[in-house]
Amino acid sequence: MTKPISLTLTTTDLDALAGAEGKLAIVVTPDGKMDQPARRVNRLTKGAVARLTESKKWEKMKPGEGFVIGFPVGLAAEALSVVKLDRRPKLDEARKAGAELARFKGDAALTLAASNQGRLDELALGLILRGYAFTTHQTEERDAIQDARFMVNKPEEQEEALASIRARAEGVFFTRDLISEPANVLTTQEFADRLEAMRDLGLKVEVLEEDKLTDLGMGALLGVGQGSESPSKVVVMEWTGGGDEAPLALVGKGVVFDTGGISLKPAAGMEDMTMDMGGAGVVSGVMRTLALRKAKANVVGLVGLVENMPDGRAQRPGDVVRSMKGDTIEVINTDAEGRLVLADVLWYAQERFRPAGVIDLATLTGAIIIGLGHENAGVFSNDNGFANSFLRAARAEEEGAWRLPLGKAYDKLIKSDIADMKNTGGRPAGSITAAQFLQRFIREDCPWIHLDIAGVAHVKSDTALAPKGATGWGVLALDRLVRDGYEADPAADG
């Protein structure tokens, strides 16, 4: 997988600043106050930093932005970035500063003289995440990406926070890689193999093959993949770091490629359907993060891996399938396949694990993009407290999420004349009827959230912390939800 850059902490060494190679960065407060490293760099550059902070250019810069001085006099560095940032910045400002430094750094080595800068971990996260690039299939020879180091006053006090940042960044990168891979590489088998490799991190991983899925009665999921040469699978990942508590269950839609099946999609844009396993990608990234940081929580991740292809054996519009729950579903449109996958995996997750709550993630509907664009995921829930906990976590991590309604009035749109329900209610309220469909596979006593991430999983332009393409949206928010609501209290252990 794409590895985050190596970021090391060293003790501040003022005498080493003049000879630092690659690129050098310092931090100055918005009112122009300099710490010791900044003052030393200012002296070495014959007052260039002070002149900048007294200029109109500095006044117009926003917190988190940096000004670049090329080939600065008095320094060995090829460029100097002067970052405008409070000593105790807001989270978004710290991450913005990190993202600015990632663009400034490029492939070169970077030294940030950070002294006693607050929220250094969040700055580091911005630096690492914005430095992501998916180059696996590019054959052009590239220069090796150099590492970064932070000079700080007390590196030992920052190391624990930085270790957590590394774990979260690796989880995001894992998700981005999965979503970025072409479908001829990331088959259902390859996806399962990559998840099985996480046993090395301490996760318990089990792969349910088609014969087992047949025995379980997962007719809805199996119907989606029956036109593909790639076998359908369900992968179960367990992290048991929280004692005897019931787990939180995360369920992801993993359609590795979606042609629409017999209800074939238009050719234009179909190449983007390699990202239709985005929900499974996020679940996988969260599980990797939890394992890497040894989370004191019980979380189980389940992903349904299928490919939706047109074939002589493919599911047809008008077919009726029986779900694991026992409900029958009339398939009106084979391109409304994700909810069929999720229906069986959701029911299985509840039957097997009796979770404290269930969150499913899916690139489920184009309608959510019409409603919310690429700024927010759609949030649906049967439990206000559970939903609010997630929304707080998403806000804390600057990952956009917006709650939308559910209601019995929408049930009539998915009423079937020949089965218990149909798999689509047409264009009106398309995202809501999809969520309403999924809710039928949630037990009344089980808190549940459905996240429609079709608009945020993969985007056409750069975001604050990611280049265009796969964003990894949701890994940080779900990790935050686990940390805030499901981690065992260390004080209770004693």
Protein backbone atom coordinates (compact mmCIF):
# COMPACT_ATOMS: atom_id res chain seq x y z
CA MET A 1 0.00 0.00 0.00
CA THR A 2 0.97 3.65 -0.29
CA LYS A 3 2.98 4.44 2.81
CA PRO A 4 2.70 7.78 4.59
CA ILE A 5 5.94 9.74 4.68
CA SER A 6 8.19 9.06 7.64
CA LEU A 7 7.94 11.88 10.14
CA THR A 8 10.44 12.03 13.00
CA LEU A 9 10.75 14.23 16.07
CA THR A 10 14.09 15.71 17.09
CA THR A 11 15.14 18.15 19.77
CA THR A 12 15.34 21.77 18.63
CA ASP A 13 18.86 22.57 17.45
CA LEU A 14 19.23 26.23 16.54
CA ASP A 15 22.73 25.76 15.17
CA ALA A 16 21.51 23.13 12.70
CA LEU A 17 19.01 25.46 11.00
CA ALA A 18 21.56 27.16 8.78
CA GLY A 19 22.70 23.85 7.30
CA ALA A 20 19.32 22.12 7.00
CA GLU A 21 19.01 20.71 3.49
CA GLY A 22 15.94 20.40 1.32
CA LYS A 23 13.22 22.72 2.54
CA LEU A 24 12.88 24.55 5.85
CA ALA A 25 9.75 25.87 7.55
CA ILE A 26 9.18 28.06 10.59
CA VAL A 27 6.04 29.24 12.37
CA VAL A 28 5.22 32.86 13.19
CA THR A 29 2.06 34.02 14.99
CA PRO A 30 -0.40 36.29 13.14
CA ASP A 31 0.81 39.28 15.18
CA GLY A 32 4.40 38.62 14.12
CA LYS A 33 5.75 37.03 17.28
CA MET A 34 8.64 34.64 16.62
CA ASP A 35 9.86 31.71 18.67
CA GLN A 36 13.57 30.95 19.03
CA PRO A 37 13.95 29.06 15.70
CA ALA A 38 12.12 31.82 13.82
CA ARG A 39 14.30 34.47 15.40
CA ARG A 40 17.42 32.54 14.45
CA VAL A 41 16.21 32.14 10.85
CA ASN A 42 15.31 35.83 10.74
CA ARG A 43 18.87 36.71 11.78
CA LEU A 44 20.39 34.28 9.29
CA THR A 45 18.29 35.73 6.45
CA LYS A 46 19.24 39.31 7.44
CA GLY A 47 15.74 40.23 8.64
CA ALA A 48 13.72 38.74 5.77
CA VAL A 49 11.20 37.13 8.13
CA ALA A 50 10.59 40.38 10.01
CA ARG A 51 10.15 42.30 6.75
CA LEU A 52 7.55 39.74 5.65
CA THR A 53 5.56 40.01 8.90
CA GLU A 54 5.49 43.80 8.59
CA SER A 55 4.20 43.70 5.01
CA LYS A 56 0.70 43.98 3.59
CA LYS A 57 1.16 40.49 2.17
CA TRP A 58 1.31 39.12 5.73
CA GLU A 59 -1.85 41.02 6.68
CA LYS A 60 -3.75 39.40 3.83
CA MET A 61 -2.56 35.86 4.64
CA LYS A 62 -4.98 33.67 6.60
CA PRO A 63 -3.99 31.48 9.56
CA GLY A 64 -2.50 28.24 8.26
CA GLU A 65 -1.12 29.77 5.08
CA GLY A 66 2.59 30.00 4.34
CA PHE A 67 4.81 32.38 2.38
CA VAL A 68 7.67 30.82 0.43
CA ILE A 69 11.08 32.44 0.06
CA GLY A 70 13.15 30.71 -2.62
CA PHE A 71 16.87 30.09 -2.10
CA PRO A 72 16.99 32.22 1.08
CA VAL A 73 20.21 34.03 1.84
CA GLY A 74 22.08 32.62 4.84
CA LEU A 75 20.48 29.17 4.62
CA ALA A 76 21.48 25.95 2.86
CA ALA A 77 17.80 25.13 2.29
CA GLU A 78 16.49 25.53 -1.25
CA ALA A 79 13.37 27.25 0.06
CA LEU A 80 11.93 28.63 3.30
CA SER A 81 8.23 28.64 4.23
CA VAL A 82 7.05 31.09 6.88
CA VAL A 83 3.76 29.70 8.22
CA LYS A 84 1.24 32.07 9.81
CA LEU A 85 -0.25 30.22 12.78
CA ASP A 86 -1.22 30.83 16.40
CA ARG A 87 0.70 28.99 19.08
CA ARG A 88 -2.62 27.32 20.03
CA PRO A 89 -4.44 27.12 16.71
CA LYS A 90 -7.86 25.76 15.86
CA LEU A 91 -7.90 22.20 14.52
CA ASP A 92 -8.75 23.25 10.97
CA GLU A 93 -6.01 25.89 10.97
CA ALA A 94 -3.41 23.39 12.16
CA ARG A 95 -4.41 20.88 9.48
CA LYS A 96 -4.49 23.61 6.85
CA ALA A 97 -0.94 24.58 7.82
CA GLY A 98 0.11 20.93 7.46
CA ALA A 99 -1.53 20.70 4.04
CA GLU A 100 0.25 23.91 2.97
CA LEU A 101 3.54 22.38 4.08
CA ALA A 102 2.80 19.23 2.09
CA ARG A 103 2.44 21.27 -1.09
CA PHE A 104 5.58 23.23 -0.17
CA LYS A 105 7.52 20.05 0.58
CA GLY A 106 6.76 18.13 -2.60
CA ASP A 107 9.22 15.25 -2.81
CA ALA A 108 12.02 17.10 -0.98
CA ALA A 109 13.14 16.62 2.60
CA LEU A 110 11.43 19.00 5.03
CA THR A 111 12.53 20.38 8.37
CA LEU A 112 9.88 22.18 10.42
CA ALA A 113 11.33 24.12 13.34
CA ALA A 114 8.21 23.88 15.49
CA SER A 115 9.62 24.60 18.97
CA ASN A 116 6.60 24.41 21.33
CA GLN A 117 3.91 24.73 18.65
CA GLY A 118 0.46 23.63 19.81
CA ARG A 119 -1.59 20.99 17.99
CA LEU A 120 1.51 19.73 16.29
CA ASP A 121 -0.17 16.34 15.84
CA GLU A 122 -2.97 17.87 13.78
CA LEU A 123 -0.45 19.81 11.72
CA ALA A 124 1.36 16.53 11.12
CA LEU A 125 -1.88 14.87 10.03
CA GLY A 126 -2.52 17.61 7.49
CA LEU A 127 1.03 17.27 6.17
CA ILE A 128 0.83 13.49 5.81
CA LEU A 129 -2.67 13.27 4.34
CA ARG A 130 -2.18 16.04 1.76
CA GLY A 131 1.04 14.37 0.64
CA TYR A 132 -0.80 11.29 -0.63
CA ALA A 133 -0.35 10.25 -4.27
CA PHE A 134 -1.56 7.03 -5.90
CA THR A 135 1.23 6.17 -8.34
CA THR A 136 1.15 2.37 -8.24
CA HIS A 137 0.43 1.97 -11.94
CA GLN A 138 2.65 4.77 -13.27
CA THR A 139 5.84 3.51 -14.88
CA GLU A 140 7.64 6.85 -15.13
CA GLU A 141 10.65 6.87 -12.85
CA ARG A 142 10.11 9.20 -9.92
CA ASP A 143 12.46 10.73 -7.42
CA ALA A 144 12.25 9.10 -4.01
CA ILE A 145 10.00 11.01 -1.64
CA GLN A 146 12.10 12.39 1.19
CA ASP A 147 11.02 12.34 4.81
CA ALA A 148 10.10 15.13 7.19
CA ARG A 149 11.34 16.00 10.64
CA PHE A 150 9.91 18.27 13.29
CA MET A 151 12.31 20.07 15.60
CA VAL A 152 10.50 20.48 18.94
CA ASN A 153 11.51 21.36 22.47
CA LYS A 154 10.32 18.12 24.12
CA PRO A 155 9.98 15.41 21.47
CA GLU A 156 9.26 12.64 24.00
CA GLU A 157 6.04 14.42 25.03
CA GLN A 158 4.81 14.53 21.41
CA GLU A 159 5.64 10.95 20.41
CA GLU A 160 2.45 9.26 21.67
CA ALA A 161 0.20 11.73 19.86
CA LEU A 162 2.27 11.36 16.70
CA ALA A 163 1.99 7.55 16.85
CA SER A 164 -1.81 7.91 16.86
CA ILE A 165 -1.58 10.23 13.87
CA ARG A 166 0.51 7.70 11.97
CA ALA A 167 -2.12 5.00 12.61
CA ARG A 168 -4.96 7.22 11.43
CA ALA A 169 -3.06 8.35 8.36
CA GLU A 170 -2.26 4.76 7.40
CA GLY A 171 -5.94 3.87 7.72
CA VAL A 172 -6.89 6.75 5.41
CA PHE A 173 -4.18 5.77 2.91
CA PHE A 174 -5.37 2.15 2.94
CA THR A 175 -8.89 3.32 2.12
CA ARG A 176 -7.68 5.67 -0.62
CA ASP A 177 -5.60 2.93 -2.21
CA LEU A 178 -8.51 0.49 -2.26
CA ILE A 179 -10.85 3.05 -3.83
CA SER A 180 -8.22 4.13 -6.37
CA GLU A 181 -7.38 0.63 -7.64
CA PRO A 182 -8.80 -0.39 -11.04
CA ALA A 183 -11.27 -3.24 -11.01
CA ASN A 184 -9.03 -5.59 -12.98
CA VAL A 185 -6.60 -5.36 -10.04
CA LEU A 186 -8.97 -5.09 -7.09
CA THR A 187 -11.14 -8.12 -7.78
CA THR A 188 -13.23 -9.56 -4.98
CA GLN A 189 -10.44 -12.09 -4.38
CA GLU A 190 -7.70 -9.45 -4.26
CA PHE A 191 -9.80 -7.31 -1.91
CA ALA A 192 -10.29 -10.26 0.43
CA ASP A 193 -6.56 -11.10 0.25
CA ARG A 194 -5.62 -7.57 1.32
CA LEU A 195 -7.97 -7.77 4.26
CA GLU A 196 -6.69 -11.19 5.27
CA ALA A 197 -3.17 -9.72 5.36
CA MET A 198 -4.31 -7.54 8.26
CA ARG A 199 -4.20 -10.57 10.51
CA ASP A 200 -0.58 -9.51 10.96
CA LEU A 201 -1.87 -6.43 12.79
CA GLY A 202 -3.85 -8.48 15.28
CA LEU A 203 -7.22 -8.46 13.54
CA LYS A 204 -9.23 -11.64 13.35
CA VAL A 205 -10.24 -11.99 9.69
CA GLU A 206 -12.68 -14.52 8.26
CA VAL A 207 -13.74 -14.86 4.62
CA LEU A 208 -17.19 -16.31 3.89
CA GLU A 209 -17.26 -17.88 0.43
CA GLU A 210 -20.28 -18.41 -1.83
CA ASP A 211 -21.13 -21.86 -0.47
CA LYS A 212 -21.31 -20.46 3.06
CA LEU A 213 -23.33 -17.46 1.88
CA THR A 214 -25.75 -19.86 0.18
CA ASP A 215 -26.11 -21.87 3.39
CA LEU A 216 -26.82 -18.63 5.27
CA GLY A 217 -29.55 -17.73 2.80
CA MET A 218 -27.97 -14.53 1.44
CA GLY A 219 -29.99 -14.56 -1.76
CA ALA A 220 -30.06 -10.78 -2.08
CA LEU A 221 -26.27 -10.43 -2.04
CA LEU A 222 -25.62 -13.48 -4.20
CA GLY A 223 -28.09 -12.31 -6.82
CA VAL A 224 -26.03 -9.18 -7.44
CA GLY A 225 -22.83 -11.07 -8.22
CA GLN A 226 -24.21 -14.01 -10.17
CA GLY A 227 -23.34 -12.44 -13.53
CA SER A 228 -19.67 -12.03 -12.68
CA GLU A 229 -16.71 -14.37 -12.96
CA SER A 230 -15.48 -12.96 -9.63
CA PRO A 231 -16.94 -14.90 -6.69
CA SER A 232 -19.01 -12.98 -4.17
CA LYS A 233 -17.65 -12.90 -0.62
CA VAL A 234 -18.27 -11.47 2.82
CA VAL A 235 -15.20 -10.61 4.88
CA VAL A 236 -15.50 -10.26 8.65
CA MET A 237 -12.82 -8.35 10.59
CA GLU A 238 -12.87 -8.37 14.40
CA TRP A 239 -10.95 -6.14 16.78
CA THR A 240 -11.47 -7.12 20.42
CA GLY A 241 -9.67 -4.57 22.53
CA GLY A 242 -12.52 -3.66 24.87
CA GLY A 243 -13.24 -6.62 27.12
CA ASP A 244 -16.71 -8.18 27.16
CA GLU A 245 -18.67 -5.25 25.75
CA ALA A 246 -20.93 -5.75 22.73
CA PRO A 247 -19.13 -4.52 19.62
CA LEU A 248 -19.87 -1.63 17.34
CA ALA A 249 -20.53 -3.08 13.88
CA LEU A 250 -19.39 -1.33 10.70
CA VAL A 251 -20.83 -2.66 7.43
CA GLY A 252 -19.55 -1.66 4.01
CA LYS A 253 -20.82 -2.01 0.45
CA GLY A 254 -18.01 -3.51 -1.62
CA VAL A 255 -19.12 -3.55 -5.26
CA VAL A 256 -15.69 -3.72 -6.88
CA PHE A 257 -17.16 -2.67 -10.22
CA ASP A 258 -20.70 -1.67 -11.08
CA THR A 259 -21.82 -1.79 -14.69
CA GLY A 260 -25.42 -1.56 -13.53
CA GLY A 261 -25.91 -5.17 -14.58
CA ILE A 262 -28.71 -5.78 -17.07
CA SER A 263 -29.91 -2.23 -16.26
CA LEU A 264 -26.68 -1.09 -17.90
CA LYS A 265 -25.25 2.31 -17.02
CA PRO A 266 -24.35 4.81 -19.79
CA ALA A 267 -20.77 4.46 -21.04
CA ALA A 268 -19.83 8.03 -20.09
CA GLY A 269 -18.44 7.99 -16.58
CA MET A 270 -18.70 4.24 -16.08
CA GLU A 271 -14.95 4.13 -15.44
CA ASP A 272 -15.63 5.84 -12.11
CA MET A 273 -17.51 2.78 -10.90
CA THR A 274 -14.25 1.32 -9.64
CA MET A 275 -15.06 3.42 -6.53
CA ASP A 276 -18.38 1.67 -5.85
CA MET A 277 -16.67 -0.31 -3.12
CA GLY A 278 -16.02 2.92 -1.21
CA GLY A 279 -18.06 1.90 1.81
CA ALA A 280 -16.09 -1.32 2.19
CA GLY A 281 -12.91 0.68 1.70
CA VAL A 282 -13.75 3.00 4.59
CA VAL A 283 -14.67 0.11 6.89
CA SER A 284 -11.35 -1.55 6.03
CA GLY A 285 -9.41 1.63 6.73
CA VAL A 286 -11.09 2.12 10.09
CA MET A 287 -10.31 -1.45 11.12
CA ARG A 288 -6.67 -0.95 10.12
CA THR A 289 -6.49 2.24 12.19
CA LEU A 290 -8.00 0.59 15.26
CA ALA A 291 -5.55 -2.30 15.04
CA LEU A 292 -2.53 -0.05 14.52
CA ARG A 293 -3.32 2.14 17.49
CA LYS A 294 -4.43 -0.81 19.66
CA ALA A 295 -7.84 0.68 20.34
CA LYS A 296 -9.44 -0.30 23.66
CA ALA A 297 -12.75 -1.08 22.02
CA ASN A 298 -14.64 -3.93 20.42
CA VAL A 299 -15.41 -3.25 16.78
CA VAL A 300 -16.35 -5.64 13.99
CA GLY A 301 -16.13 -4.69 10.32
CA LEU A 302 -18.08 -6.61 7.70
CA VAL A 303 -17.85 -6.00 3.96
CA GLY A 304 -19.89 -7.56 1.17
CA LEU A 305 -17.68 -7.98 -1.91
CA VAL A 306 -19.39 -8.47 -5.27
CA GLU A 307 -19.12 -7.40 -8.90
CA ASN A 308 -22.24 -6.33 -10.80
CA MET A 309 -21.87 -7.49 -14.41
CA PRO A 310 -24.24 -8.21 -17.37
CA ASP A 311 -24.05 -11.86 -18.40
CA GLY A 312 -26.26 -14.73 -19.44
CA ARG A 313 -26.46 -15.68 -15.76
CA ALA A 314 -26.97 -12.13 -14.50
CA GLN A 315 -29.91 -11.06 -12.39
CA ARG A 316 -32.79 -9.56 -14.42
CA PRO A 317 -35.19 -6.72 -13.72
CA GLY A 318 -38.33 -8.39 -12.45
CA ASP A 319 -36.54 -11.18 -10.60
CA VAL A 320 -37.53 -11.89 -7.00
CA VAL A 321 -34.83 -12.80 -4.47
CA ARG A 322 -35.08 -13.91 -0.86
CA SER A 323 -32.90 -12.20 1.72
CA MET A 324 -31.19 -13.85 4.69
CA LYS A 325 -33.85 -12.27 6.90
CA GLY A 326 -36.48 -14.12 4.86
CA ASP A 327 -38.07 -11.10 3.20
CA THR A 328 -38.58 -11.25 -0.56
CA ILE A 329 -37.43 -8.43 -2.85
CA GLU A 330 -38.57 -7.64 -6.37
CA VAL A 331 -35.59 -6.38 -8.36
CA ILE A 332 -36.92 -3.45 -10.37
CA ASN A 333 -33.51 -2.12 -11.37
CA THR A 334 -30.33 -4.17 -11.22
CA ASP A 335 -28.38 -0.92 -10.82
CA ALA A 336 -29.90 -0.51 -7.35
CA GLU A 337 -27.67 -3.35 -6.21
CA GLY A 338 -25.83 -1.93 -3.22
CA ARG A 339 -28.86 -2.07 -0.94
CA LEU A 340 -29.27 -5.76 -1.80
CA VAL A 341 -25.69 -6.43 -0.69
CA LEU A 342 -26.10 -4.42 2.48
CA ALA A 343 -29.44 -6.00 3.39
CA ASP A 344 -27.91 -9.44 3.88
CA VAL A 345 -24.69 -8.27 5.54
CA LEU A 346 -26.60 -6.01 7.95
CA TRP A 347 -28.84 -8.87 9.00
CA TYR A 348 -25.89 -11.23 9.39
CA ALA A 349 -24.01 -8.68 11.51
CA GLN A 350 -26.93 -8.39 13.92
CA GLU A 351 -27.63 -12.14 14.04
CA ARG A 352 -24.04 -13.10 14.75
CA PHE A 353 -22.67 -10.27 16.89
CA ARG A 354 -25.68 -8.66 18.62
CA PRO A 355 -23.88 -5.31 18.31
CA ALA A 356 -24.30 -2.22 20.46
CA GLY A 357 -24.96 -0.34 17.23
CA VAL A 358 -24.56 -0.69 13.47
CA ILE A 359 -23.24 1.82 10.96
CA ASP A 360 -23.33 1.01 7.26
CA LEU A 361 -21.47 2.95 4.59
CA ALA A 362 -22.14 2.87 0.87
CA THR A 363 -21.70 4.82 -2.33
CA LEU A 364 -25.38 4.13 -2.65
CA THR A 365 -27.24 6.78 -4.65
CA GLY A 366 -26.59 9.47 -7.21
CA ALA A 367 -29.51 11.29 -5.61
CA ILE A 368 -27.39 12.13 -2.56
CA ILE A 369 -25.00 14.05 -4.83
CA ILE A 370 -27.92 16.03 -6.25
CA GLY A 371 -29.06 16.84 -2.72
CA LEU A 372 -25.78 17.46 -0.89
CA GLY A 373 -23.11 17.78 -3.57
CA HIS A 374 -19.61 16.72 -2.65
CA GLU A 375 -19.47 18.52 0.69
CA ASN A 376 -21.53 16.21 2.89
CA ALA A 377 -22.41 12.56 3.26
CA GLY A 378 -26.06 11.74 3.86
CA VAL A 379 -26.84 10.50 7.37
CA PHE A 380 -29.94 8.43 8.18
CA SER A 381 -30.69 6.89 11.56
CA ASN A 382 -33.31 5.29 13.76
CA ASP A 383 -31.68 6.65 16.96
CA ASN A 384 -31.22 10.35 17.67
CA GLY A 385 -28.52 9.89 20.30
CA PHE A 386 -26.48 7.59 18.08
CA ALA A 387 -26.84 9.93 15.10
CA ASN A 388 -25.84 12.96 17.14
CA SER A 389 -22.76 11.17 18.44
CA PHE A 390 -21.63 10.47 14.90
CA LEU A 391 -22.41 14.00 13.72
CA ARG A 392 -20.31 15.42 16.57
CA ALA A 393 -17.43 13.14 15.59
CA ALA A 394 -17.73 14.16 11.94
CA ARG A 395 -17.76 17.87 12.84
CA ALA A 396 -14.74 17.41 15.09
CA GLU A 397 -12.82 15.86 12.20
CA GLU A 398 -14.02 18.37 9.60
CA GLU A 399 -15.76 15.62 7.60
CA GLY A 400 -19.04 16.93 6.23
CA ALA A 401 -22.21 15.03 7.16
CA TRP A 402 -25.86 16.04 7.08
CA ARG A 403 -28.84 14.18 8.51
CA LEU A 404 -31.83 13.44 6.31
CA PRO A 405 -35.25 12.08 7.28
CA LEU A 406 -36.81 8.65 7.39
CA GLY A 407 -40.54 7.99 7.67
CA LYS A 408 -43.28 5.46 7.01
CA ALA A 409 -44.72 7.65 4.26
CA TYR A 410 -41.78 6.65 2.08
CA ASP A 411 -42.58 2.95 2.43
CA LYS A 412 -45.31 3.15 -0.18
CA LEU A 413 -42.67 4.03 -2.78
CA ILE A 414 -40.95 0.65 -2.34
CA LYS A 415 -44.13 -1.42 -2.07
CA SER A 416 -44.17 -4.37 -4.48
CA ASP A 417 -47.20 -6.08 -5.96
CA ILE A 418 -45.54 -9.50 -6.04
CA ALA A 419 -42.96 -9.47 -3.20
CA ASP A 420 -42.48 -7.96 0.25
CA MET A 421 -40.76 -4.91 -1.25
CA LYS A 422 -39.01 -3.70 -4.37
CA ASN A 423 -35.44 -2.52 -4.50
CA THR A 424 -36.07 1.00 -5.75
CA GLY A 425 -38.79 3.58 -5.45
CA GLY A 426 -37.84 5.59 -8.52
CA ARG A 427 -36.41 9.11 -8.67
CA PRO A 428 -38.43 10.89 -5.94
CA ALA A 429 -36.52 10.91 -2.63
CA GLY A 430 -34.14 8.31 -4.04
CA SER A 431 -31.64 8.46 -1.19
CA ILE A 432 -34.38 8.33 1.43
CA THR A 433 -36.18 5.33 -0.09
CA ALA A 434 -32.82 3.52 -0.28
CA ALA A 435 -32.31 4.15 3.43
CA GLN A 436 -35.91 3.19 4.12
CA PHE A 437 -35.24 -0.11 2.33
CA LEU A 438 -32.17 -0.77 4.50
CA GLN A 439 -34.06 0.02 7.69
CA ARG A 440 -36.25 -3.03 7.05
CA PHE A 441 -33.18 -5.15 7.78
CA ILE A 442 -32.48 -3.50 11.14
CA ARG A 443 -33.94 -4.94 14.32
CA GLU A 444 -36.13 -2.52 16.25
CA ASP A 445 -33.86 -2.59 19.28
CA CYS A 446 -30.63 -1.97 17.33
CA PRO A 447 -29.31 1.60 16.98
CA TRP A 448 -28.42 2.12 13.33
CA ILE A 449 -26.89 4.75 11.08
CA HIS A 450 -26.76 4.62 7.29
CA LEU A 451 -24.12 6.80 5.60
CA ASP A 452 -24.57 7.46 1.89
CA ILE A 453 -21.07 8.51 0.82
CA ALA A 454 -21.54 8.63 -2.95
CA GLY A 455 -20.67 12.34 -3.05
CA VAL A 456 -17.67 12.34 -0.72
CA ALA A 457 -15.79 9.08 -1.30
CA HIS A 458 -14.25 10.13 -4.63
CA VAL A 459 -14.11 13.69 -5.96
CA LYS A 460 -13.00 15.43 -9.16
CA SER A 461 -10.99 18.24 -7.57
CA ASP A 462 -8.58 18.66 -4.69
CA THR A 463 -9.92 18.89 -1.16
CA ALA A 464 -8.25 20.45 1.87
CA LEU A 465 -6.45 17.22 2.81
CA ALA A 466 -6.47 15.15 -0.37
CA PRO A 467 -5.65 15.42 -4.06
CA LYS A 468 -8.53 14.76 -6.44
CA GLY A 469 -9.70 11.15 -6.41
CA ALA A 470 -10.28 8.99 -3.36
CA THR A 471 -10.63 11.03 -0.15
CA GLY A 472 -10.80 8.41 2.59
CA TRP A 473 -13.80 10.30 4.00
CA GLY A 474 -15.16 8.65 7.13
CA VAL A 475 -12.04 6.99 8.50
CA LEU A 476 -11.24 9.91 10.79
CA ALA A 477 -14.85 10.47 11.87
CA LEU A 478 -15.49 6.82 12.69
CA ASP A 479 -12.18 6.49 14.51
CA ARG A 480 -13.16 9.59 16.53
CA LEU A 481 -16.57 8.04 17.28
CA VAL A 482 -14.85 4.92 18.62
CA ARG A 483 -12.36 6.95 20.68
CA ASP A 484 -15.07 9.17 22.18
CA GLY A 485 -17.81 6.61 22.72
CA TYR A 486 -16.49 3.05 22.76
CA GLU A 487 -12.95 3.05 24.16
CA ALA A 488 -12.63 1.31 27.53
CA ASP A 489 -11.94 3.70 30.40
CA PRO A 490 -8.39 2.95 31.63
CA ALA A 491 -9.34 4.13 35.13
CA ALA A 492 -12.04 1.48 35.30
CA ASP A 493 -9.49 -1.28 34.78
CA GLY A 494 -7.84 -0.63 38.11
